[in-house]
Amino acid sequence: MSGEQQAAAVSTADASAADAPRRLVFEMEIPIRWGDMDAVGHVNNTVYFRYMEQLRISWFESMDLSAEPDWHGPVIVDARCSFLRELRYPGTVLARHYIGEIGRSSFQTYAQMARTDDPATVYAEGAVKVVWIDRRQRRSVALSEQVRRELLLPRLRLAP
């Protein structure tokens, strides 16, 4: 495959991911810390993944998964982030979490990061594929009906 064909394939994959149906299910504010900055003066690229992780973990913590066995839970199999504009200190990130396609044992999530003082501008966006696993057997397991319901239930909150 030529470089142009590879670029077209990546572009097509990115476009189809951008067009995938998604539903806003959670949002929260995350303070930008001075230590999140790098030598260039903007939030370091690795920190965006921490913001998405905190968003995802806070979303999971908001769910009622009490009927799920303790040894069942999520594992990340794919993560990406597109950096669209610089985030800088001081400020607060408005992080929005979306659910996408839900499969037998996996689901796609998406994140958008804006600033609370500029909520209409997307500064970064990312995606994560999550697989539900049995930690004892180290294998994927089907999502229970309870998990499926919880994934789709909006839990919107603005302040930490």
C-alpha atoms as a PDB file:
ATOM      1  CA  MET A   1       0.000   0.000   0.000  1.00  0.00           C
ATOM      2  CA  SER A   2       1.433   3.374  -0.999  1.00  0.00           C
ATOM      3  CA  GLY A   3       1.793   6.268   1.427  1.00  0.00           C
ATOM      4  CA  GLU A   4      -1.150   8.025  -0.227  1.00  0.00           C
ATOM      5  CA  GLN A   5      -3.324   4.915   0.109  1.00  0.00           C
ATOM      6  CA  GLN A   6      -2.338   4.584   3.784  1.00  0.00           C
ATOM      7  CA  ALA A   7      -3.158   8.240   4.418  1.00  0.00           C
ATOM      8  CA  ALA A   8      -6.526   7.831   2.684  1.00  0.00           C
ATOM      9  CA  ALA A   9      -7.297   4.714   4.766  1.00  0.00           C
ATOM     10  CA  VAL A  10      -6.445   6.547   8.001  1.00  0.00           C
ATOM     11  CA  SER A  11      -8.474   9.573   6.898  1.00  0.00           C
ATOM     12  CA  THR A  12     -11.465   7.341   6.103  1.00  0.00           C
ATOM     13  CA  ALA A  13     -11.184   5.569   9.466  1.00  0.00           C
ATOM     14  CA  ASP A  14     -10.984   8.914  11.301  1.00  0.00           C
ATOM     15  CA  ALA A  15     -13.984  10.259   9.368  1.00  0.00           C
ATOM     16  CA  SER A  16     -16.109   7.199  10.128  1.00  0.00           C
ATOM     17  CA  ALA A  17     -15.160   7.414  13.831  1.00  0.00           C
ATOM     18  CA  ALA A  18     -16.121  11.097  13.840  1.00  0.00           C
ATOM     19  CA  ASP A  19     -19.485  10.262  12.271  1.00  0.00           C
ATOM     20  CA  ALA A  20     -20.225   7.319  14.584  1.00  0.00           C
ATOM     21  CA  PRO A  21     -23.393   7.751  16.642  1.00  0.00           C
ATOM     22  CA  ARG A  22     -22.674   8.814  20.193  1.00  0.00           C
ATOM     23  CA  ARG A  23     -24.629   9.899  23.234  1.00  0.00           C
ATOM     24  CA  LEU A  24     -23.504  12.378  25.910  1.00  0.00           C
ATOM     25  CA  VAL A  25     -23.564  10.477  29.215  1.00  0.00           C
ATOM     26  CA  PHE A  26     -21.270  12.364  31.589  1.00  0.00           C
ATOM     27  CA  GLU A  27     -19.455  15.643  32.020  1.00  0.00           C
ATOM     28  CA  MET A  28     -17.249  17.143  34.664  1.00  0.00           C
ATOM     29  CA  GLU A  29     -14.812  19.964  35.321  1.00  0.00           C
ATOM     30  CA  ILE A  30     -11.105  19.252  35.758  1.00  0.00           C
ATOM     31  CA  PRO A  31      -8.792  22.016  37.003  1.00  0.00           C
ATOM     32  CA  ILE A  32      -5.698  22.670  34.905  1.00  0.00           C
ATOM     33  CA  ARG A  33      -2.768  22.513  37.325  1.00  0.00           C
ATOM     34  CA  TRP A  34       0.412  24.506  36.860  1.00  0.00           C
ATOM     35  CA  GLY A  35       2.317  21.204  36.879  1.00  0.00           C
ATOM     36  CA  ASP A  36       0.296  20.001  33.867  1.00  0.00           C
ATOM     37  CA  MET A  37       2.282  22.413  31.684  1.00  0.00           C
ATOM     38  CA  ASP A  38       5.403  21.523  29.711  1.00  0.00           C
ATOM     39  CA  ALA A  39       8.432  23.568  28.677  1.00  0.00           C
ATOM     40  CA  VAL A  40       6.517  25.005  25.700  1.00  0.00           C
ATOM     41  CA  GLY A  41       3.965  26.573  28.070  1.00  0.00           C
ATOM     42  CA  HIS A  42       0.899  24.466  27.297  1.00  0.00           C
ATOM     43  CA  VAL A  43      -0.624  21.324  28.819  1.00  0.00           C
ATOM     44  CA  ASN A  44       1.644  18.372  28.027  1.00  0.00           C
ATOM     45  CA  ASN A  45       0.201  15.820  25.600  1.00  0.00           C
ATOM     46  CA  THR A  46       0.358  12.995  28.175  1.00  0.00           C
ATOM     47  CA  VAL A  47      -1.843  14.986  30.557  1.00  0.00           C
ATOM     48  CA  TYR A  48      -4.742  14.942  28.091  1.00  0.00           C
ATOM     49  CA  PHE A  49      -4.791  11.146  28.533  1.00  0.00           C
ATOM     50  CA  ARG A  50      -4.907  11.661  32.317  1.00  0.00           C
ATOM     51  CA  TYR A  51      -7.846  14.035  31.893  1.00  0.00           C
ATOM     52  CA  MET A  52      -9.648  11.406  29.795  1.00  0.00           C
ATOM     53  CA  GLU A  53      -8.791   8.728  32.356  1.00  0.00           C
ATOM     54  CA  GLN A  54     -10.201  10.822  35.215  1.00  0.00           C
ATOM     55  CA  LEU A  55     -13.333  11.500  33.183  1.00  0.00           C
ATOM     56  CA  ARG A  56     -13.791   7.789  32.448  1.00  0.00           C
ATOM     57  CA  ILE A  57     -13.085   6.675  36.046  1.00  0.00           C
ATOM     58  CA  SER A  58     -15.468   9.291  37.480  1.00  0.00           C
ATOM     59  CA  TRP A  59     -18.108   8.069  35.000  1.00  0.00           C
ATOM     60  CA  PHE A  60     -17.591   4.449  36.071  1.00  0.00           C
ATOM     61  CA  GLU A  61     -17.738   5.473  39.763  1.00  0.00           C
ATOM     62  CA  SER A  62     -21.115   7.141  39.145  1.00  0.00           C
ATOM     63  CA  MET A  63     -22.618   3.862  37.912  1.00  0.00           C
ATOM     64  CA  ASP A  64     -24.518   1.350  40.034  1.00  0.00           C
ATOM     65  CA  LEU A  65     -22.676  -1.856  39.284  1.00  0.00           C
ATOM     66  CA  SER A  66     -23.382  -3.458  42.672  1.00  0.00           C
ATOM     67  CA  ALA A  67     -24.828  -6.617  41.078  1.00  0.00           C
ATOM     68  CA  GLU A  68     -21.692  -7.161  38.997  1.00  0.00           C
ATOM     69  CA  PRO A  69     -19.136  -9.653  40.353  1.00  0.00           C
ATOM     70  CA  ASP A  70     -16.071  -7.896  41.814  1.00  0.00           C
ATOM     71  CA  TRP A  71     -13.839  -9.685  39.332  1.00  0.00           C
ATOM     72  CA  HIS A  72     -15.685  -8.314  36.276  1.00  0.00           C
ATOM     73  CA  GLY A  73     -14.713  -4.931  34.950  1.00  0.00           C
ATOM     74  CA  PRO A  74     -13.236  -2.760  32.220  1.00  0.00           C
ATOM     75  CA  VAL A  75      -9.904  -2.877  30.457  1.00  0.00           C
ATOM     76  CA  ILE A  76      -8.762  -0.401  27.801  1.00  0.00           C
ATOM     77  CA  VAL A  77      -7.681  -1.936  24.503  1.00  0.00           C
ATOM     78  CA  ASP A  78      -7.311   1.208  22.393  1.00  0.00           C
ATOM     79  CA  ALA A  79      -6.883   4.898  23.222  1.00  0.00           C
ATOM     80  CA  ARG A  80      -6.290   7.950  21.055  1.00  0.00           C
ATOM     81  CA  CYS A  81      -6.327  11.719  21.348  1.00  0.00           C
ATOM     82  CA  SER A  82      -6.359  14.531  18.803  1.00  0.00           C
ATOM     83  CA  PHE A  83      -4.924  17.821  20.043  1.00  0.00           C
ATOM     84  CA  LEU A  84      -6.856  20.586  18.321  1.00  0.00           C
ATOM     85  CA  ARG A  85      -5.935  23.695  20.346  1.00  0.00           C
ATOM     86  CA  GLU A  86      -3.573  24.395  23.223  1.00  0.00           C
ATOM     87  CA  LEU A  87      -4.854  24.205  26.777  1.00  0.00           C
ATOM     88  CA  ARG A  88      -2.991  26.548  29.133  1.00  0.00           C
ATOM     89  CA  TYR A  89      -2.866  27.254  32.853  1.00  0.00           C
ATOM     90  CA  PRO A  90      -4.804  28.761  34.553  1.00  0.00           C
ATOM     91  CA  GLY A  91      -8.170  27.355  33.628  1.00  0.00           C
ATOM     92  CA  THR A  92     -10.617  24.524  33.980  1.00  0.00           C
ATOM     93  CA  VAL A  93     -11.333  21.789  31.466  1.00  0.00           C
ATOM     94  CA  LEU A  94     -14.961  20.988  30.712  1.00  0.00           C
ATOM     95  CA  ALA A  95     -14.698  17.284  29.907  1.00  0.00           C
ATOM     96  CA  ARG A  96     -17.596  15.572  28.147  1.00  0.00           C
ATOM     97  CA  HIS A  97     -17.923  11.794  27.904  1.00  0.00           C
ATOM     98  CA  TYR A  98     -19.926  10.038  25.188  1.00  0.00           C
ATOM     99  CA  ILE A  99     -20.901   6.406  24.672  1.00  0.00           C
ATOM    100  CA  GLY A 100     -20.767   5.008  21.163  1.00  0.00           C
ATOM    101  CA  GLU A 101     -21.305   1.544  19.774  1.00  0.00           C
ATOM    102  CA  ILE A 102     -21.962  -1.190  22.339  1.00  0.00           C
ATOM    103  CA  GLY A 103     -21.020  -4.733  21.353  1.00  0.00           C
ATOM    104  CA  ARG A 104     -21.249  -8.109  23.079  1.00  0.00           C
ATOM    105  CA  SER A 105     -18.324  -7.496  25.448  1.00  0.00           C
ATOM    106  CA  SER A 106     -17.023  -4.089  24.442  1.00  0.00           C
ATOM    107  CA  PHE A 107     -18.052  -0.495  23.939  1.00  0.00           C
ATOM    108  CA  GLN A 108     -16.613   2.622  22.362  1.00  0.00           C
ATOM    109  CA  THR A 109     -16.338   5.865  24.291  1.00  0.00           C
ATOM    110  CA  TYR A 110     -15.448   9.368  23.173  1.00  0.00           C
ATOM    111  CA  ALA A 111     -14.237  12.418  25.069  1.00  0.00           C
ATOM    112  CA  GLN A 112     -14.240  16.107  24.243  1.00  0.00           C
ATOM    113  CA  MET A 113     -12.284  18.694  26.182  1.00  0.00           C
ATOM    114  CA  ALA A 114     -13.208  22.354  26.181  1.00  0.00           C
ATOM    115  CA  ARG A 115     -12.565  25.145  28.687  1.00  0.00           C
ATOM    116  CA  THR A 116     -15.270  26.292  31.078  1.00  0.00           C
ATOM    117  CA  ASP A 117     -14.631  29.871  29.884  1.00  0.00           C
ATOM    118  CA  ASP A 118     -14.891  28.731  26.226  1.00  0.00           C
ATOM    119  CA  PRO A 119     -17.306  25.748  26.293  1.00  0.00           C
ATOM    120  CA  ALA A 120     -18.191  25.862  22.590  1.00  0.00           C
ATOM    121  CA  THR A 121     -14.594  25.346  21.435  1.00  0.00           C
ATOM    122  CA  VAL A 122     -13.250  21.782  21.438  1.00  0.00           C
ATOM    123  CA  TYR A 123      -9.576  21.837  22.429  1.00  0.00           C
ATOM    124  CA  ALA A 124      -9.026  18.071  22.221  1.00  0.00           C
ATOM    125  CA  GLU A 125     -11.016  14.964  21.508  1.00  0.00           C
ATOM    126  CA  GLY A 126     -10.284  11.341  22.104  1.00  0.00           C
ATOM    127  CA  ALA A 127     -11.664   7.847  21.959  1.00  0.00           C
ATOM    128  CA  VAL A 128     -11.237   4.684  23.984  1.00  0.00           C
ATOM    129  CA  LYS A 129     -12.384   1.139  23.288  1.00  0.00           C
ATOM    130  CA  VAL A 130     -13.274  -0.711  26.480  1.00  0.00           C
ATOM    131  CA  VAL A 131     -13.615  -4.470  26.843  1.00  0.00           C
ATOM    132  CA  TRP A 132     -15.464  -5.970  29.823  1.00  0.00           C
ATOM    133  CA  ILE A 133     -13.403  -8.822  31.272  1.00  0.00           C
ATOM    134  CA  ASP A 134     -13.381 -11.540  33.879  1.00  0.00           C
ATOM    135  CA  ARG A 135     -10.159 -10.684  35.727  1.00  0.00           C
ATOM    136  CA  ARG A 136      -9.839 -14.213  37.100  1.00  0.00           C
ATOM    137  CA  GLN A 137      -9.962 -15.885  33.704  1.00  0.00           C
ATOM    138  CA  ARG A 138      -8.367 -12.920  31.916  1.00  0.00           C
ATOM    139  CA  ARG A 139     -10.954 -13.169  29.144  1.00  0.00           C
ATOM    140  CA  SER A 140     -13.709 -10.972  27.813  1.00  0.00           C
ATOM    141  CA  VAL A 141     -17.227 -11.575  29.096  1.00  0.00           C
ATOM    142  CA  ALA A 142     -20.576 -10.471  27.751  1.00  0.00           C
ATOM    143  CA  LEU A 143     -21.871  -7.175  29.110  1.00  0.00           C
ATOM    144  CA  SER A 144     -24.717  -7.815  31.551  1.00  0.00           C
ATOM    145  CA  GLU A 145     -28.056  -6.084  31.073  1.00  0.00           C
ATOM    146  CA  GLN A 146     -27.302  -3.974  34.157  1.00  0.00           C
ATOM    147  CA  VAL A 147     -24.017  -2.755  32.683  1.00  0.00           C
ATOM    148  CA  ARG A 148     -25.716  -1.994  29.362  1.00  0.00           C
ATOM    149  CA  ARG A 149     -28.398   0.089  31.149  1.00  0.00           C
ATOM    150  CA  GLU A 150     -25.783   1.954  33.193  1.00  0.00           C
ATOM    151  CA  LEU A 151     -23.702   2.761  30.104  1.00  0.00           C
ATOM    152  CA  LEU A 152     -26.618   4.543  28.470  1.00  0.00           C
ATOM    153  CA  LEU A 153     -27.889   6.455  31.515  1.00  0.00           C
ATOM    154  CA  PRO A 154     -26.861  10.135  31.379  1.00  0.00           C
ATOM    155  CA  ARG A 155     -25.154  11.409  34.511  1.00  0.00           C
ATOM    156  CA  LEU A 156     -24.363  15.030  33.784  1.00  0.00           C
ATOM    157  CA  ARG A 157     -22.581  17.028  36.429  1.00  0.00           C
ATOM    158  CA  LEU A 158     -20.534  20.117  35.983  1.00  0.00           C
ATOM    159  CA  ALA A 159     -18.508  20.557  39.156  1.00  0.00           C
ATOM    160  CA  PRO A 160     -16.170  18.037  40.827  1.00  0.00           C
END
